[in-house]
Amino acid sequence: QVQLVESGGGLVQAGGSLRLSCAASGRGLNTYTMTWFRQAPGKEREFVAAIRWSRDSAYYADSTKGRFTISRDNARDNAKNTVYLQMNSLKPEDTAVYYCAAGRFITTARTMGAAAYDYWGQGTQVTVSS
């Protein structure tokens, strides 16, 4: 069982920055892929960025590559850690509820699919004004 709690959302002007945090707790976190998804009103949930805990490999959606950076806390604790999403050069189309998700043994091919993840946070709202 993994618990995820997001924070850091808010209102920002276009071109600004925000940093989201996802506090993760549970057993065996080093076996999980940690991922950010987002969902805008009337749209499907979409992949934003992912990081493989044990390898520190990162993956990004084309729409966020070069603007967003996913990272994790350097603490070597397999039961508690934090994943961050640094968002720069924000655009109005980045407005959405952002969710943190965790899943085990996810292949590279399945990383961007929401169905691969077993645990989800409650979400945090990000609003970018033009």
Foldseek 3Di string as FASTA:
>chain_A
DKAWAKDWADEEAAQAKTKMKIKMFDAQQQQKKKFKWWDDPPDDIWGAKIARNNPRDIDGDPVQPPFKDKDWDPDPDRGIIMIMIIGGRDDQVVWTWMKMFMAGPDDPVCVTPPVRTDDIYPTDTHGYHD
